[in-house]
Amino acid sequence: MHHDEALQRLRQRLAASSEARRPVAHMDLPLKLGHLVTESAVSLLKPAAVLVPILRRPQGHTVLLTKRADHLRQHKGQISFPGGRRDDTDTSYAFAALREAHEEVGLAPDAVQVLGYLDDHPTLTGYRITPVVGYIDTAFVPTTDPGEVAEAFELPLDHVTRDDGFQRKLLNRGGFDVPFLEIQYGGHQIWGATAAILWNLREQMLDR
């Protein structure tokens, strides 16, 4: 796939996104769990923001991901994007995502061109995640904060856009089989909200 063309399409589609109008991503939940994604229910979730960093590399574009430290209270050891809960002092979701990325992997905010926003993603752990897509055209080398991040690695964009990059699986939660997406790459299991956000990114790049 020609990523320059796909990225240009992504830029055009995300240019219409804004922080003022935050659509919620579709979640394929069992009927009895559908109440979790109503507008009133989603409004009660804690606001969070993640940066979806697309890096230009000599071998092709990649997406930067992190593995959360094993000693963290929530989501320990899971694969995620740089990000976290939006603080009261954060002036925007983009500000929150860039602040967290700077703290977690040493990415300077002025090195990131914010392209726009993917659909918000509600989680079963009580957060409403706003994904902020950023483009990095510099020779960035992550410097991780060991207090939050065990490892930073890059997922080739080719792996995200190819037809067999995602697998559909089921997770039993409270007696319900909840569908989820999963990506296997380099010994890493990428699933949950992170895989769902990557799927949304893929759909935007493929103009779907």
Protein backbone atom coordinates (compact mmCIF):
# COMPACT_ATOMS: atom_id res chain seq x y z
CA MET A 1 0.00 0.00 0.00
CA HIS A 2 1.28 3.51 -0.83
CA HIS A 3 1.32 5.18 2.56
CA ASP A 4 1.96 8.74 1.36
CA GLU A 5 -1.35 8.61 -0.47
CA ALA A 6 -3.10 6.99 2.50
CA LEU A 7 -1.66 9.56 4.91
CA GLN A 8 -2.82 12.39 2.69
CA ARG A 9 -6.29 10.86 2.77
CA LEU A 10 -6.02 10.59 6.56
CA ARG A 11 -5.03 14.25 6.82
CA GLN A 12 -8.02 15.28 4.76
CA ARG A 13 -10.47 13.20 6.77
CA LEU A 14 -9.14 14.25 10.16
CA ALA A 15 -9.08 17.93 9.18
CA ALA A 16 -12.85 17.92 9.72
CA SER A 17 -12.52 16.52 13.27
CA SER A 18 -12.50 18.73 16.34
CA GLU A 19 -12.54 18.59 20.12
CA ALA A 20 -15.93 20.27 20.22
CA ARG A 21 -17.74 17.39 18.49
CA ARG A 22 -16.63 14.01 19.79
CA PRO A 23 -18.35 11.04 18.11
CA VAL A 24 -18.11 7.72 19.93
CA ALA A 25 -16.69 4.69 18.14
CA HIS A 26 -19.08 1.84 17.44
CA MET A 27 -18.69 -1.02 19.89
CA ASP A 28 -19.96 -4.47 18.94
CA LEU A 29 -21.36 -5.33 22.37
CA PRO A 30 -23.94 -7.96 23.37
CA LEU A 31 -27.46 -6.54 23.61
CA LYS A 32 -27.53 -6.53 27.43
CA LEU A 33 -24.34 -4.43 27.53
CA GLY A 34 -25.57 -1.88 24.99
CA HIS A 35 -26.59 0.53 27.77
CA LEU A 36 -22.88 1.11 28.42
CA VAL A 37 -22.47 3.20 25.27
CA THR A 38 -25.57 5.40 25.40
CA GLU A 39 -24.86 9.13 25.24
CA SER A 40 -25.83 9.68 28.88
CA ALA A 41 -23.70 6.76 30.09
CA VAL A 42 -20.66 7.81 28.06
CA SER A 43 -20.89 11.37 29.45
CA LEU A 44 -20.25 9.96 32.94
CA LEU A 45 -16.95 8.34 31.98
CA LYS A 46 -13.65 9.86 33.05
CA PRO A 47 -12.01 11.85 30.20
CA ALA A 48 -8.66 10.60 28.91
CA ALA A 49 -6.50 11.27 25.87
CA VAL A 50 -3.88 9.26 24.01
CA LEU A 51 -1.46 10.23 21.28
CA VAL A 52 -1.45 8.02 18.18
CA PRO A 53 2.08 8.87 16.97
CA ILE A 54 2.79 8.13 13.29
CA LEU A 55 6.54 8.23 12.65
CA ARG A 56 8.25 8.61 9.31
CA ARG A 57 11.13 6.13 9.20
CA PRO A 58 13.54 5.29 6.33
CA GLN A 59 12.01 1.81 6.06
CA GLY A 60 8.42 3.13 6.11
CA HIS A 61 5.89 4.65 8.49
CA THR A 62 5.35 3.20 11.94
CA VAL A 63 3.07 3.75 14.94
CA LEU A 64 4.70 4.18 18.35
CA LEU A 65 3.28 2.03 21.15
CA THR A 66 4.26 1.43 24.76
CA LYS A 67 4.11 -1.47 27.17
CA ARG A 68 2.90 -0.27 30.54
CA ALA A 69 5.09 -0.98 33.56
CA ASP A 70 4.24 -4.12 35.53
CA HIS A 71 3.94 -2.30 38.86
CA LEU A 72 1.16 0.05 37.77
CA ARG A 73 -2.24 -0.31 39.46
CA GLN A 74 -4.30 -0.24 36.25
CA HIS A 75 -3.64 -1.99 32.93
CA LYS A 76 -0.18 -3.17 34.01
CA GLY A 77 1.85 -4.84 31.28
CA GLN A 78 -0.66 -3.95 28.58
CA ILE A 79 0.16 -2.39 25.22
CA SER A 80 -1.10 1.16 24.89
CA PHE A 81 -0.52 4.53 23.29
CA PRO A 82 1.22 7.27 25.26
CA GLY A 83 -1.51 9.01 27.21
CA GLY A 84 -3.67 9.05 30.29
CA ARG A 85 -6.42 10.82 32.17
CA ARG A 86 -7.04 14.45 31.26
CA ASP A 87 -6.07 16.74 34.15
CA ASP A 88 -8.05 19.82 35.16
CA THR A 89 -5.07 21.96 34.12
CA ASP A 90 -4.97 20.52 30.57
CA THR A 91 -6.30 23.11 28.12
CA SER A 92 -7.38 20.50 25.56
CA TYR A 93 -7.32 16.79 24.77
CA ALA A 94 -4.43 17.42 22.40
CA PHE A 95 -2.53 19.18 25.20
CA ALA A 96 -3.17 16.23 27.53
CA ALA A 97 -2.01 13.67 24.94
CA LEU A 98 1.15 15.65 24.11
CA ARG A 99 1.93 16.20 27.80
CA GLU A 100 1.62 12.49 28.55
CA ALA A 101 3.73 11.53 25.51
CA HIS A 102 6.46 13.91 26.65
CA GLU A 103 6.39 12.43 30.15
CA GLU A 104 6.24 8.78 29.07
CA VAL A 105 8.53 8.58 26.02
CA GLY A 106 10.31 11.96 25.87
CA LEU A 107 8.50 13.17 22.74
CA ALA A 108 8.70 16.96 22.56
CA PRO A 109 5.27 18.52 21.84
CA ASP A 110 6.72 20.83 19.19
CA ALA A 111 7.98 17.78 17.25
CA VAL A 112 4.39 16.61 16.70
CA GLN A 113 2.06 17.85 13.98
CA VAL A 114 -1.46 17.19 15.25
CA LEU A 115 -3.54 15.88 12.34
CA GLY A 116 -6.86 15.57 14.19
CA TYR A 117 -8.93 13.13 16.20
CA LEU A 118 -10.27 9.62 15.82
CA ASP A 119 -13.61 8.63 17.36
CA ASP A 120 -13.71 8.50 21.15
CA HIS A 121 -13.51 5.05 22.66
CA PRO A 122 -15.35 4.15 25.91
CA THR A 123 -13.71 1.45 28.01
CA LEU A 124 -15.19 -1.05 30.44
CA THR A 125 -12.81 0.37 33.08
CA GLY A 126 -14.65 3.70 33.07
CA TYR A 127 -12.75 5.96 30.69
CA ARG A 128 -13.68 7.82 27.52
CA ILE A 129 -10.49 7.93 25.46
CA THR A 130 -9.97 10.66 22.88
CA PRO A 131 -7.30 9.53 20.36
CA VAL A 132 -5.19 12.43 19.03
CA VAL A 133 -3.34 11.54 15.82
CA GLY A 134 0.10 13.12 15.51
CA TYR A 135 2.72 13.00 12.76
CA ILE A 136 6.44 13.01 13.60
CA ASP A 137 8.85 13.74 10.76
CA THR A 138 12.06 13.80 12.83
CA ALA A 139 14.61 11.17 13.86
CA PHE A 140 12.89 10.63 17.19
CA VAL A 141 14.35 8.13 19.67
CA PRO A 142 12.06 7.30 22.64
CA THR A 143 13.34 7.88 26.15
CA THR A 144 10.96 5.99 28.41
CA ASP A 145 9.95 6.83 31.97
CA PRO A 146 10.49 3.57 33.90
CA GLY A 147 7.87 4.64 36.42
CA GLU A 148 5.18 4.27 33.74
CA VAL A 149 6.63 2.49 30.70
CA ALA A 150 8.43 -0.84 30.53
CA GLU A 151 9.15 -0.62 26.80
CA ALA A 152 8.45 1.47 23.70
CA PHE A 153 8.29 -0.17 20.28
CA GLU A 154 7.08 0.62 16.76
CA LEU A 155 4.38 -1.18 14.82
CA PRO A 156 4.78 -0.86 11.04
CA LEU A 157 1.83 0.88 9.44
CA ASP A 158 1.85 -1.91 6.84
CA HIS A 159 0.79 -4.29 9.59
CA VAL A 160 -2.16 -2.08 10.49
CA THR A 161 -3.46 -1.64 6.95
CA ARG A 162 -3.00 -5.17 5.63
CA ASP A 163 -6.07 -7.40 5.34
CA ASP A 164 -4.93 -10.02 7.85
CA GLY A 165 -3.42 -7.66 10.44
CA PHE A 166 -6.32 -8.01 12.92
CA GLN A 167 -7.97 -11.03 14.51
CA ARG A 168 -11.46 -11.04 16.05
CA LYS A 169 -11.78 -12.77 19.43
CA LEU A 170 -14.14 -13.03 22.42
CA LEU A 171 -13.57 -12.09 26.05
CA ASN A 172 -15.93 -13.37 28.74
CA ARG A 173 -16.76 -10.46 31.05
CA GLY A 174 -19.44 -10.87 33.72
CA GLY A 175 -20.97 -13.83 31.94
CA PHE A 176 -21.10 -12.06 28.57
CA ASP A 177 -18.93 -12.82 25.55
CA VAL A 178 -17.56 -9.42 24.52
CA PRO A 179 -15.99 -9.24 21.02
CA PHE A 180 -12.60 -7.57 20.69
CA LEU A 181 -9.84 -7.08 18.14
CA GLU A 182 -6.27 -8.28 18.54
CA ILE A 183 -2.98 -7.74 16.73
CA GLN A 184 0.00 -10.03 17.24
CA TYR A 185 3.33 -8.40 16.42
CA GLY A 186 6.89 -9.05 17.56
CA GLY A 187 5.80 -11.08 20.54
CA HIS A 188 3.35 -8.38 21.64
CA GLN A 189 -0.38 -8.91 22.09
CA ILE A 190 -2.17 -5.68 21.16
CA TRP A 191 -5.84 -5.77 22.08
CA GLY A 192 -8.65 -3.89 23.79
CA ALA A 193 -8.93 -0.14 23.31
CA THR A 194 -5.50 0.08 21.66
CA ALA A 195 -6.40 -2.38 18.91
CA ALA A 196 -9.81 -0.74 18.47
CA ILE A 197 -8.18 2.66 17.98
CA LEU A 198 -5.74 1.17 15.47
CA TRP A 199 -8.71 -0.32 13.61
CA ASN A 200 -10.34 3.12 13.48
CA LEU A 201 -7.06 4.54 12.16
CA ARG A 202 -6.97 1.83 9.50
CA GLU A 203 -10.53 2.56 8.41
CA GLN A 204 -9.76 6.27 8.09
CA MET A 205 -6.63 5.59 6.03
CA LEU A 206 -8.54 3.21 3.74
CA ASP A 207 -11.40 5.73 3.42
CA ARG A 208 -14.05 3.45 4.92
